[in-house]
């Protein structure tokens, strides 16, 4: 089934649908083309004081670090679904972006759905889409790590994006 409108990364069979809908360039579908059909799951980023991961899914640089040679920032990154955000924040102190070396903070990406519902491949694609082209240009190592993870799925981050 082809995609005809913009969907979220938790669309059933999203990778299969993208592979049917989009035309590969040199054997791979560019992430920039995927963005025309699939929205980023990330709505916002916030930081909280302390280390929190219970019940949350590792995303962003933390996900990449566990699977590639990318060294994570001092703050671990986890996704909190928007529908559970108030519950998650209830006993936590929201802070401004901490110093790069501050290890007593957690970076929370607010996602439009619960990433725990995704299979590994769909989660990998969702995390790739959670990075903006600006973030790739500012951190080409993250772009390279994302590229390494999505290439086996049939996608690439085009070099012009980093």
N, C-alpha and C. Protein backbone atom coordinates (compact mmCIF):
# COMPACT_ATOMS: atom_id res chain seq x y z
N UNK A 1 0.84 -1.18 0.00
CA UNK A 1 0.00 0.00 0.00
C UNK A 1 0.88 1.25 0.00
N UNK A 2 0.61 2.16 -0.90
CA UNK A 2 1.39 3.40 -1.01
C UNK A 2 0.87 4.44 -0.03
N UNK A 3 1.76 5.30 0.41
CA UNK A 3 1.36 6.42 1.24
C UNK A 3 0.88 7.56 0.35
N UNK A 4 -0.20 8.21 0.75
CA UNK A 4 -0.72 9.32 -0.03
C UNK A 4 -0.81 10.61 0.77
N UNK A 5 -0.51 10.53 2.07
CA UNK A 5 -0.57 11.71 2.93
C UNK A 5 0.46 11.56 4.05
N UNK A 6 0.67 12.61 4.80
CA UNK A 6 1.66 12.60 5.88
C UNK A 6 1.14 11.78 7.04
N UNK A 7 2.01 10.91 7.56
CA UNK A 7 1.66 10.04 8.68
C UNK A 7 2.72 10.18 9.78
N UNK A 8 2.45 9.57 10.91
CA UNK A 8 3.42 9.53 12.01
C UNK A 8 4.29 8.28 11.86
N UNK A 9 5.44 8.25 12.52
CA UNK A 9 6.31 7.08 12.42
C UNK A 9 5.72 5.80 13.02
N UNK A 10 4.63 5.91 13.76
CA UNK A 10 4.00 4.71 14.32
C UNK A 10 2.91 4.15 13.39
N UNK A 11 2.87 4.62 12.18
CA UNK A 11 1.97 4.07 11.15
C UNK A 11 2.30 2.59 10.97
N UNK A 12 1.30 1.72 10.97
CA UNK A 12 1.60 0.29 10.75
C UNK A 12 2.35 0.07 9.44
N UNK A 13 3.34 -0.80 9.47
CA UNK A 13 4.14 -1.15 8.29
C UNK A 13 4.76 0.05 7.59
N UNK A 14 5.19 1.04 8.38
CA UNK A 14 5.69 2.29 7.80
C UNK A 14 6.87 2.07 6.85
N UNK A 15 7.80 1.22 7.23
CA UNK A 15 8.98 1.03 6.37
C UNK A 15 8.58 0.39 5.05
N UNK A 16 7.76 -0.62 5.11
CA UNK A 16 7.27 -1.28 3.89
C UNK A 16 6.54 -0.29 2.99
N UNK A 17 5.70 0.55 3.57
CA UNK A 17 4.94 1.54 2.80
C UNK A 17 5.87 2.56 2.15
N UNK A 18 6.90 2.99 2.88
CA UNK A 18 7.85 3.95 2.32
C UNK A 18 8.64 3.33 1.16
N UNK A 19 9.04 2.09 1.32
CA UNK A 19 9.80 1.42 0.26
C UNK A 19 8.97 1.25 -1.01
N UNK A 20 7.65 1.14 -0.86
CA UNK A 20 6.75 1.03 -2.01
C UNK A 20 6.48 2.41 -2.62
N UNK A 21 6.37 3.43 -1.76
CA UNK A 21 5.97 4.77 -2.20
C UNK A 21 7.10 5.57 -2.84
N UNK A 22 8.29 5.49 -2.28
CA UNK A 22 9.39 6.36 -2.69
C UNK A 22 10.37 5.66 -3.62
N UNK A 23 11.02 6.44 -4.45
CA UNK A 23 11.98 5.91 -5.43
C UNK A 23 13.40 6.03 -4.87
N UNK A 24 14.12 4.93 -4.83
CA UNK A 24 15.50 4.99 -4.33
C UNK A 24 16.43 5.75 -5.27
N UNK A 25 17.44 6.36 -4.68
CA UNK A 25 18.52 7.00 -5.43
C UNK A 25 19.77 6.20 -5.09
N UNK A 26 20.39 5.61 -6.10
CA UNK A 26 21.58 4.76 -5.88
C UNK A 26 21.29 3.64 -4.89
N UNK A 27 20.08 3.10 -4.96
CA UNK A 27 19.73 1.96 -4.13
C UNK A 27 19.14 2.27 -2.78
N UNK A 28 19.09 3.55 -2.39
CA UNK A 28 18.56 3.93 -1.06
C UNK A 28 17.60 5.09 -1.19
N UNK A 29 16.67 5.16 -0.25
CA UNK A 29 15.73 6.28 -0.18
C UNK A 29 16.30 7.31 0.77
N UNK A 30 16.36 8.55 0.31
CA UNK A 30 16.92 9.62 1.12
C UNK A 30 15.96 10.03 2.23
N UNK A 31 16.53 10.24 3.43
CA UNK A 31 15.72 10.63 4.59
C UNK A 31 14.96 11.92 4.31
N UNK A 32 15.54 12.80 3.51
CA UNK A 32 14.85 14.05 3.16
C UNK A 32 13.56 13.76 2.39
N UNK A 33 13.52 12.70 1.59
CA UNK A 33 12.29 12.32 0.89
C UNK A 33 11.28 11.71 1.86
N UNK A 34 11.77 10.95 2.82
CA UNK A 34 10.89 10.35 3.83
C UNK A 34 10.16 11.45 4.61
N UNK A 35 10.86 12.55 4.90
CA UNK A 35 10.25 13.66 5.66
C UNK A 35 9.00 14.23 4.98
N UNK A 36 8.88 14.03 3.68
CA UNK A 36 7.68 14.48 2.96
C UNK A 36 6.45 13.65 3.26
N UNK A 37 6.66 12.47 3.83
CA UNK A 37 5.55 11.56 4.13
C UNK A 37 5.41 11.21 5.61
N UNK A 38 6.47 11.39 6.37
CA UNK A 38 6.45 10.98 7.78
C UNK A 38 6.92 12.13 8.66
N UNK A 39 6.10 12.51 9.63
CA UNK A 39 6.45 13.59 10.54
C UNK A 39 7.46 13.14 11.57
N UNK A 40 8.15 14.11 12.12
CA UNK A 40 9.03 13.82 13.26
C UNK A 40 8.17 13.47 14.46
N UNK A 41 8.59 12.49 15.25
CA UNK A 41 7.82 12.17 16.45
C UNK A 41 8.09 13.17 17.58
N UNK A 42 9.19 13.92 17.47
CA UNK A 42 9.61 14.83 18.55
C UNK A 42 8.86 16.15 18.46
N UNK A 43 8.17 16.47 19.55
CA UNK A 43 7.43 17.73 19.62
C UNK A 43 8.22 18.82 20.32
N UNK A 44 9.04 18.42 21.29
CA UNK A 44 9.81 19.39 22.07
C UNK A 44 10.91 18.66 22.82
N UNK A 45 11.84 19.44 23.38
CA UNK A 45 12.89 18.90 24.23
C UNK A 45 12.88 19.67 25.54
N UNK A 46 13.01 18.96 26.64
CA UNK A 46 13.12 19.60 27.94
C UNK A 46 14.21 18.90 28.74
N UNK A 47 14.72 19.56 29.73
CA UNK A 47 15.72 18.96 30.62
C UNK A 47 15.16 18.94 32.03
N UNK A 48 15.45 17.86 32.74
CA UNK A 48 15.06 17.76 34.14
C UNK A 48 16.32 17.49 34.97
N UNK A 49 16.30 17.98 36.19
CA UNK A 49 17.43 17.76 37.09
C UNK A 49 17.38 16.32 37.59
N UNK A 50 18.50 15.61 37.51
CA UNK A 50 18.59 14.23 37.97
C UNK A 50 18.62 13.26 36.80
N UNK A 51 18.80 11.99 37.16
CA UNK A 51 18.86 10.91 36.16
C UNK A 51 17.54 10.13 36.18
N UNK A 52 16.82 10.14 35.07
CA UNK A 52 15.53 9.46 34.99
C UNK A 52 15.45 8.65 33.72
N UNK A 53 15.13 7.38 33.86
CA UNK A 53 14.94 6.53 32.68
C UNK A 53 13.84 5.50 32.88
N UNK A 54 13.36 5.32 34.10
CA UNK A 54 12.36 4.29 34.38
C UNK A 54 11.12 4.46 33.50
N UNK A 55 10.80 3.41 32.76
CA UNK A 55 9.61 3.41 31.93
C UNK A 55 9.74 4.21 30.65
N UNK A 56 10.94 4.75 30.37
CA UNK A 56 11.14 5.56 29.17
C UNK A 56 12.04 4.81 28.19
N UNK A 57 11.94 5.17 26.93
CA UNK A 57 12.72 4.56 25.86
C UNK A 57 13.89 5.49 25.53
N UNK A 58 15.09 4.94 25.44
CA UNK A 58 16.26 5.72 25.03
C UNK A 58 16.09 6.14 23.58
N UNK A 59 16.34 7.41 23.31
CA UNK A 59 16.25 7.96 21.95
C UNK A 59 17.44 8.88 21.71
N UNK A 60 17.44 9.56 20.58
CA UNK A 60 18.48 10.55 20.30
C UNK A 60 19.89 9.97 20.40
N UNK A 61 20.80 10.78 20.93
CA UNK A 61 22.19 10.36 21.02
C UNK A 61 22.38 9.14 21.90
N UNK A 62 21.54 8.96 22.91
CA UNK A 62 21.65 7.79 23.79
C UNK A 62 21.38 6.51 23.01
N UNK A 63 20.36 6.53 22.16
CA UNK A 63 20.06 5.38 21.30
C UNK A 63 21.22 5.12 20.34
N UNK A 64 21.73 6.18 19.74
CA UNK A 64 22.82 6.04 18.78
C UNK A 64 24.08 5.52 19.45
N UNK A 65 24.39 6.03 20.64
CA UNK A 65 25.60 5.61 21.35
C UNK A 65 25.58 4.11 21.64
N UNK A 66 24.42 3.57 21.95
CA UNK A 66 24.31 2.15 22.29
C UNK A 66 24.52 1.25 21.06
N UNK A 67 24.42 1.81 19.85
CA UNK A 67 24.46 1.00 18.64
C UNK A 67 25.57 1.37 17.66
N UNK A 68 26.25 2.49 17.91
CA UNK A 68 27.30 2.96 17.01
C UNK A 68 28.49 3.45 17.83
N UNK A 69 29.45 4.04 17.17
CA UNK A 69 30.63 4.58 17.85
C UNK A 69 30.43 6.00 18.35
N UNK A 70 29.21 6.54 18.22
CA UNK A 70 28.94 7.90 18.67
C UNK A 70 29.06 7.97 20.19
N UNK A 71 29.78 8.95 20.68
CA UNK A 71 29.87 9.17 22.13
C UNK A 71 28.75 10.12 22.53
N UNK A 72 27.95 9.70 23.50
CA UNK A 72 26.79 10.46 23.93
C UNK A 72 27.21 11.72 24.69
N UNK A 73 26.32 12.67 24.69
CA UNK A 73 26.49 13.86 25.52
C UNK A 73 26.41 13.43 26.98
N UNK A 74 26.76 14.29 27.90
CA UNK A 74 26.75 13.95 29.32
C UNK A 74 25.34 13.61 29.81
N UNK A 75 24.33 14.24 29.21
CA UNK A 75 22.95 13.96 29.60
C UNK A 75 22.38 12.85 28.72
N UNK A 76 21.81 11.86 29.33
CA UNK A 76 21.13 10.79 28.59
C UNK A 76 19.83 11.35 28.04
N UNK A 77 19.36 10.76 26.92
CA UNK A 77 18.16 11.24 26.25
C UNK A 77 17.12 10.14 26.21
N UNK A 78 15.90 10.48 26.65
CA UNK A 78 14.78 9.53 26.65
C UNK A 78 13.55 10.22 26.11
N UNK A 79 12.61 9.42 25.59
CA UNK A 79 11.36 9.97 25.06
C UNK A 79 10.25 9.77 26.07
N UNK A 80 9.47 10.80 26.26
CA UNK A 80 8.27 10.73 27.09
C UNK A 80 7.07 11.04 26.19
N UNK A 81 6.09 10.15 26.14
CA UNK A 81 4.91 10.43 25.30
C UNK A 81 4.14 11.62 25.87
N UNK A 82 3.64 12.45 25.00
CA UNK A 82 2.92 13.66 25.43
C UNK A 82 1.76 13.34 26.36
N UNK A 83 1.09 12.22 26.14
CA UNK A 83 -0.06 11.88 26.98
C UNK A 83 0.32 11.51 28.40
N UNK A 84 1.61 11.23 28.64
CA UNK A 84 2.07 10.91 30.00
C UNK A 84 3.06 11.94 30.54
N UNK A 85 3.21 13.04 29.85
CA UNK A 85 4.21 14.03 30.23
C UNK A 85 3.93 14.64 31.60
N UNK A 86 2.70 15.05 31.87
CA UNK A 86 2.39 15.66 33.17
C UNK A 86 2.69 14.69 34.30
N UNK A 87 2.33 13.44 34.10
CA UNK A 87 2.60 12.40 35.11
C UNK A 87 4.11 12.25 35.31
N UNK A 88 4.86 12.24 34.23
CA UNK A 88 6.31 12.10 34.32
C UNK A 88 6.94 13.29 35.04
N UNK A 89 6.49 14.50 34.73
CA UNK A 89 7.11 15.71 35.29
C UNK A 89 6.66 16.03 36.71
N UNK A 90 5.64 15.35 37.21
CA UNK A 90 5.02 15.69 38.50
C UNK A 90 6.02 15.90 39.63
N UNK A 91 7.01 15.07 39.76
CA UNK A 91 7.94 15.18 40.88
C UNK A 91 9.35 15.58 40.44
N UNK A 92 9.46 16.20 39.26
CA UNK A 92 10.77 16.54 38.73
C UNK A 92 10.92 18.04 38.53
N UNK A 93 12.15 18.49 38.58
CA UNK A 93 12.45 19.91 38.38
C UNK A 93 12.91 20.13 36.94
N UNK A 94 12.13 20.90 36.18
CA UNK A 94 12.50 21.26 34.82
C UNK A 94 13.55 22.37 34.90
N UNK A 95 14.61 22.22 34.10
CA UNK A 95 15.70 23.19 34.13
C UNK A 95 15.99 23.70 32.72
N UNK A 96 16.75 24.79 32.65
CA UNK A 96 17.23 25.27 31.34
C UNK A 96 18.27 24.27 30.85
N UNK A 97 18.62 24.38 29.59
CA UNK A 97 19.61 23.45 29.04
C UNK A 97 20.88 23.51 29.87
N UNK A 98 21.30 22.36 30.39
CA UNK A 98 22.48 22.36 31.26
C UNK A 98 23.78 22.48 30.46
N UNK A 99 24.85 22.74 31.18
CA UNK A 99 26.18 22.74 30.60
C UNK A 99 26.43 21.37 29.95
N UNK A 100 27.20 21.35 28.89
CA UNK A 100 27.44 20.11 28.15
C UNK A 100 27.97 18.99 29.04
N UNK A 101 28.75 19.33 30.06
CA UNK A 101 29.37 18.33 30.92
C UNK A 101 28.53 17.96 32.15
N UNK A 102 27.39 18.60 32.35
CA UNK A 102 26.54 18.36 33.53
C UNK A 102 25.89 16.98 33.44
N UNK A 103 26.34 16.07 34.30
CA UNK A 103 25.82 14.69 34.28
C UNK A 103 24.59 14.50 35.16
N UNK A 104 24.21 15.52 35.92
CA UNK A 104 23.06 15.40 36.81
C UNK A 104 21.80 16.00 36.18
N UNK A 105 21.59 15.65 34.93
CA UNK A 105 20.41 16.12 34.20
C UNK A 105 20.04 15.07 33.17
N UNK A 106 18.76 15.04 32.81
CA UNK A 106 18.27 14.13 31.78
C UNK A 106 17.58 14.95 30.70
N UNK A 107 17.88 14.63 29.48
CA UNK A 107 17.24 15.30 28.34
C UNK A 107 16.01 14.47 27.97
N UNK A 108 14.86 15.12 27.92
CA UNK A 108 13.60 14.44 27.59
C UNK A 108 13.08 14.99 26.27
N UNK A 109 12.88 14.08 25.32
CA UNK A 109 12.20 14.45 24.08
C UNK A 109 10.72 14.12 24.28
N UNK A 110 9.88 15.09 24.06
CA UNK A 110 8.44 14.87 24.14
C UNK A 110 8.00 14.35 22.78
N UNK A 111 7.48 13.12 22.79
CA UNK A 111 7.04 12.49 21.54
C UNK A 111 5.52 12.49 21.45
N UNK A 112 5.01 12.47 20.23
CA UNK A 112 3.57 12.50 19.99
C UNK A 112 2.89 11.16 20.28
N UNK A 113 3.67 10.11 20.48
CA UNK A 113 3.14 8.77 20.80
C UNK A 113 4.18 8.07 21.66
N UNK A 114 3.83 6.90 22.16
CA UNK A 114 4.74 6.15 23.01
C UNK A 114 5.70 5.33 22.14
N UNK A 115 7.00 5.64 22.17
CA UNK A 115 7.94 4.91 21.33
C UNK A 115 8.08 3.43 21.71
N UNK A 116 7.63 3.07 22.88
CA UNK A 116 7.69 1.66 23.31
C UNK A 116 6.79 0.78 22.46
N UNK A 117 5.88 1.38 21.72
CA UNK A 117 4.95 0.60 20.87
C UNK A 117 5.57 0.21 19.53
N UNK A 118 6.76 0.73 19.22
CA UNK A 118 7.37 0.48 17.91
C UNK A 118 8.28 -0.73 17.92
N UNK A 119 8.35 -1.40 16.78
CA UNK A 119 9.36 -2.46 16.60
C UNK A 119 10.71 -1.77 16.43
N UNK A 120 11.78 -2.54 16.54
CA UNK A 120 13.13 -1.98 16.48
C UNK A 120 13.38 -1.15 15.22
N UNK A 121 12.96 -1.66 14.06
CA UNK A 121 13.22 -0.96 12.80
C UNK A 121 12.45 0.35 12.72
N UNK A 122 11.19 0.32 13.13
CA UNK A 122 10.38 1.55 13.10
C UNK A 122 10.91 2.57 14.11
N UNK A 123 11.39 2.10 15.27
CA UNK A 123 11.98 3.01 16.26
C UNK A 123 13.23 3.66 15.69
N UNK A 124 14.05 2.89 15.01
CA UNK A 124 15.26 3.43 14.41
C UNK A 124 14.92 4.52 13.40
N UNK A 125 13.92 4.28 12.55
CA UNK A 125 13.50 5.29 11.58
C UNK A 125 12.92 6.51 12.29
N UNK A 126 12.11 6.30 13.33
CA UNK A 126 11.53 7.41 14.07
C UNK A 126 12.62 8.28 14.70
N UNK A 127 13.64 7.64 15.25
CA UNK A 127 14.74 8.40 15.84
C UNK A 127 15.48 9.18 14.76
N UNK A 128 15.69 8.58 13.61
CA UNK A 128 16.32 9.30 12.50
C UNK A 128 15.51 10.54 12.16
N UNK A 129 14.20 10.41 12.12
CA UNK A 129 13.33 11.55 11.78
C UNK A 129 13.25 12.58 12.89
N UNK A 130 13.60 12.19 14.11
CA UNK A 130 13.54 13.14 15.23
C UNK A 130 14.68 14.16 15.16
N UNK A 131 15.72 13.87 14.39
CA UNK A 131 16.79 14.83 14.16
C UNK A 131 16.39 15.76 13.01
N UNK A 132 16.59 17.04 13.19
CA UNK A 132 16.30 17.99 12.12
C UNK A 132 17.53 18.12 11.22
N UNK A 133 17.33 18.58 9.99
CA UNK A 133 18.50 18.83 9.13
C UNK A 133 19.50 19.80 9.80
N UNK A 134 19.01 20.77 10.53
CA UNK A 134 19.90 21.70 11.25
C UNK A 134 20.76 20.94 12.26
N UNK A 135 20.15 20.01 12.99
CA UNK A 135 20.91 19.23 13.97
C UNK A 135 21.98 18.38 13.28
N UNK A 136 21.66 17.83 12.12
CA UNK A 136 22.66 17.06 11.37
C UNK A 136 23.82 17.96 10.93
N UNK A 137 23.51 19.17 10.49
CA UNK A 137 24.58 20.08 10.05
C UNK A 137 25.45 20.49 11.23
N UNK A 138 24.86 20.63 12.41
CA UNK A 138 25.62 21.00 13.60
C UNK A 138 26.40 19.83 14.18
N UNK A 139 25.96 18.61 13.90
CA UNK A 139 26.60 17.42 14.47
C UNK A 139 26.67 16.32 13.41
N UNK A 140 27.68 16.42 12.57
CA UNK A 140 27.79 15.46 11.47
C UNK A 140 28.07 14.05 11.97
N UNK A 141 28.61 13.90 13.17
CA UNK A 141 28.82 12.57 13.73
C UNK A 141 27.48 11.89 14.01
N UNK A 142 26.51 12.65 14.50
CA UNK A 142 25.17 12.09 14.73
C UNK A 142 24.54 11.70 13.39
N UNK A 143 24.72 12.54 12.38
CA UNK A 143 24.19 12.23 11.04
C UNK A 143 24.81 10.94 10.52
N UNK A 144 26.11 10.78 10.71
CA UNK A 144 26.79 9.56 10.27
C UNK A 144 26.30 8.34 11.02
N UNK A 145 26.06 8.49 12.33
CA UNK A 145 25.56 7.37 13.14
C UNK A 145 24.15 6.99 12.71
N UNK A 146 23.30 7.99 12.45
CA UNK A 146 21.94 7.71 11.97
C UNK A 146 22.03 6.99 10.63
N UNK A 147 22.88 7.49 9.75
CA UNK A 147 23.04 6.87 8.43
C UNK A 147 23.44 5.40 8.56
N UNK A 148 24.36 5.11 9.46
CA UNK A 148 24.81 3.74 9.69
C UNK A 148 23.65 2.83 10.11
N UNK A 149 22.72 3.36 10.90
CA UNK A 149 21.60 2.55 11.40
C UNK A 149 20.46 2.41 10.40
N UNK A 150 20.22 3.43 9.58
CA UNK A 150 19.07 3.35 8.66
C UNK A 150 19.43 2.74 7.31
N UNK A 151 20.70 2.67 6.98
CA UNK A 151 21.10 2.11 5.69
C UNK A 151 20.62 0.66 5.51
N UNK A 152 20.76 -0.20 6.54
CA UNK A 152 20.25 -1.57 6.36
C UNK A 152 18.73 -1.64 6.16
N UNK A 153 18.02 -0.57 6.51
CA UNK A 153 16.57 -0.51 6.33
C UNK A 153 16.19 -0.02 4.93
N UNK A 154 17.19 0.47 4.17
CA UNK A 154 16.94 0.95 2.81
C UNK A 154 16.92 2.46 2.69
N UNK A 155 17.40 3.17 3.74
CA UNK A 155 17.37 4.64 3.75
C UNK A 155 18.77 5.18 3.98
N UNK A 156 18.99 6.45 3.60
CA UNK A 156 20.26 7.10 3.90
C UNK A 156 20.01 8.56 4.26
N UNK A 157 20.97 9.13 4.97
CA UNK A 157 21.03 10.57 5.18
C UNK A 157 21.93 11.10 4.07
N UNK A 158 21.40 11.87 3.13
CA UNK A 158 22.24 12.33 2.03
C UNK A 158 23.38 13.23 2.55
N UNK A 159 24.54 13.11 1.96
CA UNK A 159 25.70 13.86 2.43
C UNK A 159 25.46 15.36 2.46
N UNK A 160 24.62 15.87 1.60
CA UNK A 160 24.36 17.31 1.59
C UNK A 160 23.66 17.77 2.87
N UNK A 161 23.09 16.84 3.63
CA UNK A 161 22.42 17.20 4.88
C UNK A 161 23.39 17.30 6.05
N UNK A 162 24.63 16.96 5.83
CA UNK A 162 25.63 17.12 6.88
C UNK A 162 26.95 17.39 6.25
